[in-house]
């Protein structure tokens, strides 16, 4: 067993607790990413027809404004860069 002076035990304990918290945060983030991907796949599988045409129809009908269209386009481009095999 290691012999640490009593005042260092608290520091080591704090470091270990911090590392465990960081590990838990990573695990939770991965779980969140997995859930997000499952939800995205479900959304993608439920789409009917050409999504680009549907968005264009929303824009043409006034149900979506140009600013919303630009935001959606930017988001789609970002997602395409992050997950090219899904698009």
N, C-alpha and C. Protein backbone atom coordinates (compact mmCIF):
# COMPACT_ATOMS: atom_id res chain seq x y z
N UNK A 1 0.84 -1.18 0.00
CA UNK A 1 0.00 0.00 0.00
C UNK A 1 0.88 1.23 0.00
N UNK A 2 0.38 2.31 -0.56
CA UNK A 2 1.12 3.56 -0.61
C UNK A 2 1.00 4.30 0.71
N UNK A 3 2.06 4.93 1.09
CA UNK A 3 2.05 5.76 2.29
C UNK A 3 2.10 7.22 1.89
N UNK A 4 0.98 7.90 1.96
CA UNK A 4 0.91 9.32 1.63
C UNK A 4 0.71 10.10 2.91
N UNK A 5 1.35 11.24 3.01
CA UNK A 5 1.06 12.10 4.16
C UNK A 5 -0.43 12.45 4.14
N UNK A 6 -1.00 12.64 5.31
CA UNK A 6 -2.44 12.89 5.41
C UNK A 6 -2.91 14.07 4.58
N UNK A 7 -2.09 15.13 4.46
CA UNK A 7 -2.56 16.29 3.73
C UNK A 7 -2.61 16.04 2.22
N UNK A 8 -1.90 15.04 1.70
CA UNK A 8 -1.95 14.72 0.28
C UNK A 8 -3.10 13.80 -0.06
N UNK A 9 -3.63 13.09 0.90
CA UNK A 9 -4.72 12.16 0.63
C UNK A 9 -5.94 12.90 0.11
N UNK A 10 -6.23 14.06 0.66
CA UNK A 10 -7.36 14.84 0.19
C UNK A 10 -7.16 15.29 -1.24
N UNK A 11 -5.94 15.69 -1.59
CA UNK A 11 -5.65 16.12 -2.96
C UNK A 11 -5.81 14.97 -3.93
N UNK A 12 -5.31 13.81 -3.58
CA UNK A 12 -5.42 12.64 -4.45
C UNK A 12 -6.88 12.24 -4.61
N UNK A 13 -7.61 12.29 -3.53
CA UNK A 13 -9.03 11.96 -3.57
C UNK A 13 -9.77 12.94 -4.49
N UNK A 14 -9.42 14.22 -4.41
CA UNK A 14 -10.05 15.23 -5.27
C UNK A 14 -9.74 14.97 -6.73
N UNK A 15 -8.49 14.60 -7.04
CA UNK A 15 -8.10 14.32 -8.41
C UNK A 15 -8.86 13.11 -8.93
N UNK A 16 -8.93 12.05 -8.12
CA UNK A 16 -9.66 10.84 -8.53
C UNK A 16 -11.13 11.16 -8.76
N UNK A 17 -11.73 11.91 -7.85
CA UNK A 17 -13.15 12.27 -8.01
C UNK A 17 -13.36 13.10 -9.27
N UNK A 18 -12.43 14.01 -9.53
CA UNK A 18 -12.53 14.83 -10.73
C UNK A 18 -12.42 13.98 -11.99
N UNK A 19 -11.47 13.05 -12.01
CA UNK A 19 -11.32 12.16 -13.15
C UNK A 19 -12.56 11.31 -13.36
N UNK A 20 -13.12 10.80 -12.29
CA UNK A 20 -14.33 9.98 -12.40
C UNK A 20 -15.49 10.81 -12.93
N UNK A 21 -15.58 12.06 -12.49
CA UNK A 21 -16.63 12.94 -13.00
C UNK A 21 -16.45 13.18 -14.49
N UNK A 22 -15.20 13.39 -14.92
CA UNK A 22 -14.93 13.60 -16.33
C UNK A 22 -15.27 12.37 -17.15
N UNK A 23 -14.94 11.20 -16.64
CA UNK A 23 -15.26 9.94 -17.33
C UNK A 23 -16.78 9.78 -17.45
N UNK A 24 -17.48 10.09 -16.37
CA UNK A 24 -18.95 10.00 -16.41
C UNK A 24 -19.53 10.98 -17.42
N UNK A 25 -18.95 12.18 -17.51
CA UNK A 25 -19.43 13.17 -18.49
C UNK A 25 -19.24 12.67 -19.91
N UNK A 26 -18.10 12.03 -20.18
CA UNK A 26 -17.84 11.50 -21.51
C UNK A 26 -18.84 10.39 -21.83
N UNK A 27 -19.05 9.49 -20.88
CA UNK A 27 -20.00 8.39 -21.09
C UNK A 27 -21.41 8.94 -21.34
N UNK A 28 -21.81 9.94 -20.56
CA UNK A 28 -23.14 10.53 -20.76
C UNK A 28 -23.24 11.22 -22.11
N UNK A 29 -22.16 11.88 -22.53
CA UNK A 29 -22.16 12.54 -23.84
C UNK A 29 -22.29 11.52 -24.95
N UNK A 30 -21.59 10.41 -24.84
CA UNK A 30 -21.69 9.37 -25.86
C UNK A 30 -23.09 8.79 -25.91
N UNK A 31 -23.68 8.61 -24.75
CA UNK A 31 -25.06 8.11 -24.71
C UNK A 31 -26.01 9.10 -25.36
N UNK A 32 -25.78 10.39 -25.11
CA UNK A 32 -26.61 11.42 -25.73
C UNK A 32 -26.43 11.45 -27.24
N UNK A 33 -25.21 11.25 -27.69
CA UNK A 33 -24.94 11.23 -29.13
C UNK A 33 -25.61 10.02 -29.78
N UNK A 34 -25.56 8.90 -29.09
CA UNK A 34 -26.21 7.69 -29.60
C UNK A 34 -27.71 7.90 -29.71
N UNK A 35 -28.29 8.49 -28.69
CA UNK A 35 -29.73 8.76 -28.71
C UNK A 35 -30.08 9.73 -29.83
N UNK A 36 -29.24 10.77 -30.02
CA UNK A 36 -29.48 11.73 -31.08
C UNK A 36 -29.44 11.06 -32.45
N UNK A 37 -28.49 10.15 -32.65
CA UNK A 37 -28.39 9.45 -33.92
C UNK A 37 -29.60 8.54 -34.15
N UNK A 38 -30.07 7.90 -33.09
CA UNK A 38 -31.26 7.06 -33.22
C UNK A 38 -32.47 7.90 -33.61
N UNK A 39 -32.61 9.06 -32.99
CA UNK A 39 -33.72 9.95 -33.30
C UNK A 39 -33.60 10.47 -34.73
N UNK A 40 -32.38 10.79 -35.15
CA UNK A 40 -32.19 11.26 -36.51
C UNK A 40 -32.54 10.18 -37.52
N UNK A 41 -32.10 8.95 -37.26
CA UNK A 41 -32.42 7.84 -38.17
C UNK A 41 -33.92 7.61 -38.25
N UNK A 42 -34.61 7.73 -37.12
CA UNK A 42 -36.06 7.57 -37.11
C UNK A 42 -36.70 8.68 -37.95
N UNK A 43 -36.24 9.92 -37.76
CA UNK A 43 -36.74 11.04 -38.54
C UNK A 43 -36.50 10.81 -40.02
N UNK A 44 -35.28 10.40 -40.37
CA UNK A 44 -34.92 10.18 -41.78
C UNK A 44 -35.78 9.09 -42.40
N UNK A 45 -36.01 8.01 -41.65
CA UNK A 45 -36.81 6.90 -42.17
C UNK A 45 -38.28 7.27 -42.35
N UNK A 46 -38.76 8.26 -41.62
CA UNK A 46 -40.15 8.68 -41.72
C UNK A 46 -40.39 9.72 -42.82
N UNK A 47 -39.32 10.24 -43.41
CA UNK A 47 -39.49 11.23 -44.47
C UNK A 47 -40.13 10.59 -45.69
N UNK A 48 -41.02 11.33 -46.29
CA UNK A 48 -41.68 10.88 -47.51
C UNK A 48 -41.28 11.81 -48.64
N UNK A 49 -40.76 11.28 -49.71
CA UNK A 49 -40.40 12.10 -50.86
C UNK A 49 -39.04 12.76 -50.71
N UNK A 50 -38.80 13.73 -51.57
CA UNK A 50 -37.54 14.45 -51.61
C UNK A 50 -37.55 15.58 -50.58
N UNK A 51 -36.68 15.52 -49.57
CA UNK A 51 -36.68 16.56 -48.53
C UNK A 51 -36.38 17.95 -49.09
N UNK A 52 -35.52 18.02 -50.10
CA UNK A 52 -35.20 19.33 -50.69
C UNK A 52 -36.44 19.95 -51.33
N UNK A 53 -37.21 19.13 -52.01
CA UNK A 53 -38.45 19.61 -52.64
C UNK A 53 -39.46 20.04 -51.58
N UNK A 54 -39.55 19.29 -50.50
CA UNK A 54 -40.48 19.64 -49.43
C UNK A 54 -40.11 20.99 -48.82
N UNK A 55 -38.82 21.20 -48.59
CA UNK A 55 -38.37 22.47 -48.03
C UNK A 55 -38.64 23.61 -49.02
N UNK A 56 -38.36 23.37 -50.29
CA UNK A 56 -38.62 24.39 -51.31
C UNK A 56 -40.10 24.73 -51.35
N UNK A 57 -40.96 23.73 -51.22
CA UNK A 57 -42.41 23.97 -51.20
C UNK A 57 -42.81 24.81 -49.99
N UNK A 58 -42.19 24.54 -48.83
CA UNK A 58 -42.47 25.35 -47.64
C UNK A 58 -42.07 26.80 -47.86
N UNK A 59 -40.92 26.99 -48.50
CA UNK A 59 -40.44 28.35 -48.79
C UNK A 59 -41.37 29.04 -49.79
N UNK A 60 -41.74 28.34 -50.84
CA UNK A 60 -42.60 28.91 -51.88
C UNK A 60 -43.99 29.26 -51.36
N UNK A 61 -44.50 28.44 -50.41
CA UNK A 61 -45.84 28.66 -49.89
C UNK A 61 -45.89 29.72 -48.79
N UNK A 62 -44.71 30.16 -48.33
CA UNK A 62 -44.68 31.15 -47.25
C UNK A 62 -44.71 30.55 -45.86
N UNK A 63 -44.76 29.22 -45.75
CA UNK A 63 -44.75 28.57 -44.44
C UNK A 63 -43.35 28.64 -43.80
N UNK A 64 -42.34 28.95 -44.61
CA UNK A 64 -40.97 29.13 -44.15
C UNK A 64 -40.46 30.41 -44.80
N UNK A 65 -39.80 31.26 -43.99
CA UNK A 65 -39.26 32.48 -44.59
C UNK A 65 -37.81 32.25 -45.02
N UNK A 66 -37.25 33.23 -45.71
CA UNK A 66 -35.90 33.10 -46.25
C UNK A 66 -34.86 32.91 -45.15
N UNK A 67 -35.05 33.57 -44.01
CA UNK A 67 -34.12 33.43 -42.89
C UNK A 67 -34.14 31.99 -42.35
N UNK A 68 -35.32 31.43 -42.19
CA UNK A 68 -35.45 30.05 -41.72
C UNK A 68 -34.82 29.09 -42.73
N UNK A 69 -35.04 29.37 -44.00
CA UNK A 69 -34.46 28.53 -45.06
C UNK A 69 -32.93 28.57 -44.99
N UNK A 70 -32.38 29.76 -44.82
CA UNK A 70 -30.92 29.90 -44.74
C UNK A 70 -30.35 29.18 -43.53
N UNK A 71 -31.05 29.27 -42.41
CA UNK A 71 -30.61 28.56 -41.20
C UNK A 71 -30.66 27.06 -41.41
N UNK A 72 -31.73 26.58 -42.03
CA UNK A 72 -31.86 25.15 -42.29
C UNK A 72 -30.79 24.66 -43.25
N UNK A 73 -30.52 25.44 -44.28
CA UNK A 73 -29.48 25.09 -45.23
C UNK A 73 -28.11 25.02 -44.55
N UNK A 74 -27.81 25.97 -43.71
CA UNK A 74 -26.54 25.98 -42.98
C UNK A 74 -26.42 24.77 -42.06
N UNK A 75 -27.51 24.45 -41.36
CA UNK A 75 -27.52 23.28 -40.49
C UNK A 75 -27.32 21.99 -41.28
N UNK A 76 -27.99 21.88 -42.42
CA UNK A 76 -27.86 20.69 -43.26
C UNK A 76 -26.43 20.54 -43.77
N UNK A 77 -25.81 21.65 -44.14
CA UNK A 77 -24.43 21.59 -44.61
C UNK A 77 -23.48 21.16 -43.49
N UNK A 78 -23.72 21.66 -42.30
CA UNK A 78 -22.89 21.27 -41.14
C UNK A 78 -23.06 19.80 -40.84
N UNK A 79 -24.31 19.33 -40.81
CA UNK A 79 -24.56 17.91 -40.54
C UNK A 79 -23.94 17.04 -41.62
N UNK A 80 -23.99 17.49 -42.85
CA UNK A 80 -23.41 16.72 -43.95
C UNK A 80 -21.90 16.58 -43.78
N UNK A 81 -21.25 17.61 -43.28
CA UNK A 81 -19.82 17.54 -43.03
C UNK A 81 -19.51 16.60 -41.87
N UNK A 82 -20.38 16.61 -40.85
CA UNK A 82 -20.15 15.77 -39.67
C UNK A 82 -20.49 14.31 -39.93
N UNK A 83 -21.52 14.07 -40.73
CA UNK A 83 -22.02 12.71 -40.93
C UNK A 83 -22.32 12.48 -42.41
N UNK A 84 -21.31 12.49 -43.26
CA UNK A 84 -21.57 12.40 -44.71
C UNK A 84 -22.28 11.12 -45.14
N UNK A 85 -22.13 10.04 -44.43
CA UNK A 85 -22.77 8.79 -44.86
C UNK A 85 -24.27 8.78 -44.64
N UNK A 86 -24.78 9.76 -43.87
CA UNK A 86 -26.22 9.81 -43.61
C UNK A 86 -26.96 10.67 -44.62
N UNK A 87 -26.22 11.41 -45.47
CA UNK A 87 -26.87 12.33 -46.41
C UNK A 87 -26.58 11.94 -47.82
